[in-house]
Amino acid sequence: MTVLLDGNPLVCTCASLDFVEWLFTTKVKLDSNGSYSCLRNDGNITTTNAVYNHLRIFRIRCITTVWFIFSVTLFGVLLLFILVGYRYKLHLQYFCLFIGMANPLFLKSKEETLEYDAYVAYCDGDYEWVYGPLRIFLEERRNFKLLLLDRGDVLAGEHRLFALNNSIPKCKKIILVISKEFVNNDWAYYEATVGIEHFLGLQARIIVINLENITKTEIPQCVLQMMSLDANDHIRKTDTLNENNIFWKCLDQAMKR
């Protein structure tokens, strides 16, 4: 019995190379001895005999084509990731920071290595209150360790900008002492922005103290979104400190969170 294939529309592509090989290795009797016209990928007509005689070359070409397509696709995907990463690098950094810092194990291990309990951001006009009641209550009464730039807690001679960027990562929290001078001070606004961005997604690490009565329109947007402790006339006094006052109790609880 003879299998008649002559006249059938055959193709000689990478997918049909095994079929071409079968035509010349099978024991089944074929008409034309297995040599038939077939259509190549490029649209040209050839014969199965010509393809079989160069079968190894055709297989190598097919493998090369597959790897070329794979390489181009992979390169395109990597290039897309690089472009997207560059375009949204800040968002990705914040996302990775948020995911990492939200991990309890990460938080616990990191806090154990931090040198200070809180960085205090304030203006020169509030110096007496910060170094008076605030420092006395937190450091002397509650044994917290504060980082104060004007006290010499940073390297001598270090530029204030570098000192800020190097200091905040050493602290578990940041305390923003908001006053009328603070909201009108460019440096204070930058200081608050850097601190809030560092503790992105961790509002419990940001403590805002409204030292004076300030309208919401005056407070920077980045600070306005945070929960705050409001000081009264008694709290604003620099020569007295009543730690039984609800303000100091709330501050103590905020520091322990």
Protein backbone atom coordinates (compact mmCIF):
# COMPACT_ATOMS: atom_id res chain seq x y z
CA MET A 1 0.00 0.00 0.00
CA THR A 2 1.30 3.44 -0.93
CA VAL A 3 0.42 6.73 0.79
CA LEU A 4 -0.28 9.42 -1.79
CA LEU A 5 0.82 12.88 -0.66
CA ASP A 6 1.80 14.47 -3.94
CA GLY A 7 -0.30 17.56 -4.66
CA ASN A 8 -1.18 18.22 -1.00
CA PRO A 9 -0.41 21.73 0.34
CA LEU A 10 2.59 21.07 2.60
CA VAL A 11 4.63 23.59 4.56
CA CYS A 12 8.29 23.42 5.53
CA THR A 13 8.51 25.48 8.71
CA CYS A 14 10.13 25.04 12.10
CA ALA A 15 6.96 23.36 13.34
CA SER A 16 6.99 20.78 10.52
CA LEU A 17 10.67 19.76 10.51
CA ASP A 18 9.88 16.55 12.39
CA PHE A 19 7.31 15.70 9.72
CA VAL A 20 9.88 16.30 6.94
CA GLU A 21 12.33 14.02 8.74
CA TRP A 22 9.63 11.37 9.08
CA LEU A 23 9.03 11.42 5.30
CA PHE A 24 12.55 10.13 4.69
CA THR A 25 12.95 7.81 7.68
CA THR A 26 9.59 6.05 7.81
CA LYS A 27 9.11 2.53 6.49
CA VAL A 28 5.73 3.52 5.11
CA LYS A 29 5.75 3.54 1.30
CA LEU A 30 5.21 7.05 -0.09
CA ASP A 31 4.72 8.28 -3.61
CA SER A 32 7.52 10.42 -5.08
CA ASN A 33 9.85 8.84 -2.48
CA GLY A 34 8.85 11.50 0.07
CA SER A 35 9.93 14.45 -2.06
CA TYR A 36 7.12 16.99 -2.32
CA SER A 37 6.72 20.69 -2.91
CA CYS A 38 6.27 22.75 0.24
CA LEU A 39 5.94 26.38 1.25
CA ARG A 40 8.58 28.05 3.46
CA ASN A 41 8.02 30.79 6.01
CA ASP A 42 9.28 33.46 3.61
CA GLY A 43 6.70 32.43 1.00
CA ASN A 44 9.15 30.69 -1.33
CA ILE A 45 8.50 27.21 -2.75
CA THR A 46 11.01 24.46 -1.99
CA THR A 47 10.94 20.68 -1.67
CA THR A 48 10.90 18.40 1.32
CA ASN A 49 13.99 16.71 -0.10
CA ALA A 50 15.96 19.99 -0.10
CA VAL A 51 14.89 20.70 3.47
CA TYR A 52 15.80 17.20 4.63
CA ASN A 53 19.27 17.47 3.05
CA HIS A 54 19.89 20.61 5.14
CA LEU A 55 17.81 19.55 8.14
CA ARG A 56 20.51 20.33 10.72
CA ILE A 57 20.96 23.86 9.36
CA PHE A 58 17.20 24.44 9.43
CA ARG A 59 16.97 23.25 13.05
CA ILE A 60 19.80 25.59 14.09
CA ARG A 61 18.06 28.50 12.36
CA CYS A 62 14.80 27.69 14.13
CA ILE A 63 16.48 27.53 17.54
CA THR A 64 18.30 30.80 16.83
CA THR A 65 15.05 32.48 15.82
CA VAL A 66 13.28 31.32 18.99
CA TRP A 67 16.09 32.59 21.21
CA PHE A 68 16.23 35.86 19.29
CA ILE A 69 12.52 36.45 19.82
CA PHE A 70 12.85 35.47 23.48
CA SER A 71 15.85 37.79 23.97
CA VAL A 72 14.13 40.73 22.29
CA THR A 73 10.99 40.19 24.37
CA LEU A 74 12.99 39.89 27.59
CA PHE A 75 14.99 43.00 26.75
CA GLY A 76 11.78 44.88 26.01
CA VAL A 77 10.24 43.84 29.33
CA LEU A 78 13.40 44.78 31.26
CA LEU A 79 13.58 48.12 29.48
CA LEU A 80 9.93 48.76 30.35
CA PHE A 81 10.58 47.96 34.03
CA ILE A 82 13.62 50.25 34.04
CA LEU A 83 11.67 53.12 32.49
CA VAL A 84 8.73 52.65 34.85
CA GLY A 85 11.09 52.31 37.80
CA TYR A 86 12.90 55.51 36.85
CA ARG A 87 9.65 57.38 36.26
CA TYR A 88 8.11 56.29 39.56
CA LYS A 89 11.29 55.66 41.54
CA LEU A 90 10.18 57.88 44.42
CA HIS A 91 6.83 56.10 44.69
CA LEU A 92 8.56 52.71 44.59
CA GLN A 93 10.98 53.77 47.32
CA TYR A 94 8.10 54.89 49.51
CA PHE A 95 6.22 51.66 48.79
CA CYS A 96 9.22 49.48 49.67
CA LEU A 97 9.87 51.60 52.75
CA PHE A 98 6.24 51.28 53.84
CA ILE A 99 6.15 47.50 53.30
CA GLY A 100 9.44 46.98 55.08
CA MET A 101 8.72 49.27 58.00
CA ALA A 102 5.24 47.80 58.45
CA ASN A 103 6.82 44.44 59.25
CA PRO A 104 6.80 43.99 63.06
CA LEU A 105 10.07 42.06 62.98
CA PHE A 106 11.68 44.86 60.99
CA LEU A 107 10.39 47.48 63.38
CA LYS A 108 11.56 45.60 66.44
CA SER A 109 15.05 44.90 65.12
CA LYS A 110 15.44 48.45 63.79
CA GLU A 111 14.28 50.14 66.99
CA GLU A 112 16.81 48.17 69.00
CA THR A 113 19.62 49.75 66.99
CA LEU A 114 18.31 53.34 67.03
CA GLU A 115 20.25 55.70 69.25
CA TYR A 116 17.54 58.26 70.09
CA ASP A 117 13.89 58.08 71.09
CA ALA A 118 12.89 61.24 69.24
CA TYR A 119 14.19 64.04 67.05
CA VAL A 120 12.80 67.43 68.06
CA ALA A 121 12.09 69.96 65.31
CA TYR A 122 11.49 73.52 66.55
CA CYS A 123 12.24 77.16 65.83
CA ASP A 124 14.71 79.36 67.68
CA GLY A 125 11.86 81.32 69.25
CA ASP A 126 10.68 78.18 71.05
CA TYR A 127 14.14 77.32 72.35
CA GLU A 128 13.35 78.03 76.01
CA TRP A 129 10.24 75.83 76.04
CA VAL A 130 11.97 72.96 74.23
CA TYR A 131 15.05 73.01 76.45
CA GLY A 132 12.92 73.76 79.49
CA PRO A 133 9.65 71.86 80.14
CA LEU A 134 9.80 69.53 77.12
CA ARG A 135 13.37 68.33 77.66
CA ILE A 136 12.99 68.12 81.43
CA PHE A 137 9.81 66.06 81.20
CA LEU A 138 10.97 63.63 78.53
CA GLU A 139 14.63 63.22 79.46
CA GLU A 140 14.79 63.82 83.20
CA ARG A 141 11.33 62.61 84.26
CA ARG A 142 10.71 59.84 81.69
CA ASN A 143 14.28 58.88 80.70
CA PHE A 144 13.74 59.33 76.96
CA LYS A 145 16.73 60.34 74.87
CA LEU A 146 16.14 63.31 72.57
CA LEU A 147 18.19 64.50 69.62
CA LEU A 148 18.50 68.28 69.64
CA LEU A 149 20.58 69.85 66.87
CA ASP A 150 21.43 72.98 68.87
CA ARG A 151 22.66 71.00 71.87
CA GLY A 152 25.63 69.42 70.14
CA ASP A 153 24.07 66.02 69.51
CA VAL A 154 25.56 66.12 65.99
CA LEU A 155 29.13 66.38 64.72
CA ALA A 156 30.72 69.75 65.37
CA GLY A 157 30.94 71.86 62.23
CA GLU A 158 28.52 69.66 60.27
CA HIS A 159 26.25 71.61 57.93
CA ARG A 160 22.73 71.87 59.32
CA LEU A 161 21.19 70.29 56.21
CA PHE A 162 23.46 67.25 56.40
CA ALA A 163 22.98 67.08 60.15
CA LEU A 164 19.21 66.89 59.66
CA ASN A 165 19.38 64.12 57.04
CA ASN A 166 21.84 62.14 59.16
CA SER A 167 19.99 62.64 62.45
CA ILE A 168 16.38 61.69 61.72
CA PRO A 169 17.24 58.07 60.70
CA LYS A 170 18.81 57.63 64.14
CA CYS A 171 15.51 58.32 65.91
CA LYS A 172 12.42 56.25 66.64
CA LYS A 173 10.09 59.25 66.40
CA ILE A 174 10.00 62.92 65.47
CA ILE A 175 8.44 65.68 67.56
CA LEU A 176 7.28 68.77 65.66
CA VAL A 177 6.85 71.81 67.90
CA ILE A 178 4.48 74.00 65.87
CA SER A 179 4.31 77.73 66.58
CA LYS A 180 3.58 80.88 64.57
CA GLU A 181 7.28 81.25 63.91
CA PHE A 182 7.50 77.61 62.80
CA VAL A 183 4.81 77.87 60.10
CA ASN A 184 6.48 80.96 58.62
CA ASN A 185 9.98 79.50 58.59
CA ASP A 186 11.25 77.84 55.40
CA TRP A 187 13.81 75.73 57.24
CA ALA A 188 11.20 74.50 59.71
CA TYR A 189 8.88 73.54 56.85
CA TYR A 190 11.69 71.58 55.20
CA GLU A 191 12.55 69.94 58.51
CA ALA A 192 8.95 68.84 59.01
CA THR A 193 8.68 67.55 55.44
CA VAL A 194 11.85 65.46 55.72
CA GLY A 195 10.72 64.00 59.03
CA ILE A 196 7.23 63.11 57.81
CA GLU A 197 8.57 61.54 54.62
CA HIS A 198 11.01 59.44 56.63
CA PHE A 199 8.19 58.04 58.76
CA LEU A 200 5.81 57.65 55.82
CA GLY A 201 2.90 55.36 56.71
CA LEU A 202 3.84 55.38 60.41
CA GLN A 203 1.86 58.26 61.88
CA ALA A 204 2.38 56.94 65.39
CA ARG A 205 6.05 57.89 64.94
CA ILE A 206 5.15 61.54 64.33
CA ILE A 207 4.18 63.67 67.32
CA VAL A 208 2.86 67.18 66.59
CA ILE A 209 2.68 69.71 69.42
CA ASN A 210 0.68 72.89 68.72
CA LEU A 211 2.48 75.24 71.05
CA GLU A 212 0.36 78.23 70.01
CA ASN A 213 -3.17 78.78 68.73
CA ILE A 214 -2.77 78.61 64.96
CA THR A 215 -5.51 78.46 62.34
CA LYS A 216 -5.61 75.44 60.05
CA THR A 217 -4.92 77.61 57.02
CA GLU A 218 -1.56 78.61 58.51
CA ILE A 219 -0.39 75.07 59.24
CA PRO A 220 1.54 73.28 56.43
CA GLN A 221 -0.55 70.63 54.67
CA CYS A 222 1.90 67.84 55.51
CA VAL A 223 1.57 68.67 59.24
CA LEU A 224 -2.17 69.31 59.18
CA GLN A 225 -2.87 65.65 58.40
CA MET A 226 -1.24 64.49 61.65
CA MET A 227 -2.88 64.12 65.04
CA SER A 228 -1.63 66.83 67.39
CA LEU A 229 -1.38 67.71 71.07
CA ASP A 230 -2.58 71.23 71.86
CA ALA A 231 -0.77 73.18 74.55
CA ASN A 232 -2.63 75.67 76.76
CA ASP A 233 -1.38 78.79 78.53
CA HIS A 234 -0.19 76.74 81.47
CA ILE A 235 1.76 74.33 79.32
CA ARG A 236 3.42 77.20 77.43
CA LYS A 237 5.02 78.53 80.61
CA THR A 238 8.73 77.82 80.68
CA ASP A 239 9.20 78.12 84.43
CA THR A 240 6.66 75.49 85.55
CA LEU A 241 6.11 71.83 84.80
CA ASN A 242 3.13 69.92 86.16
CA GLU A 243 3.54 66.41 84.82
CA ASN A 244 0.05 65.47 86.04
CA ASN A 245 -1.44 67.71 83.37
CA ILE A 246 -3.32 65.80 80.67
CA PHE A 247 -1.00 67.24 78.00
CA TRP A 248 2.09 65.64 79.51
CA LYS A 249 0.27 62.36 80.09
CA CYS A 250 -0.77 62.24 76.43
CA LEU A 251 2.76 63.07 75.35
CA ASP A 252 4.12 60.29 77.53
CA GLN A 253 1.69 57.80 75.99
CA ALA A 254 2.56 58.98 72.48
CA MET A 255 6.26 58.43 73.15
CA LYS A 256 5.62 54.90 74.40
CA ARG A 257 3.56 53.80 71.39
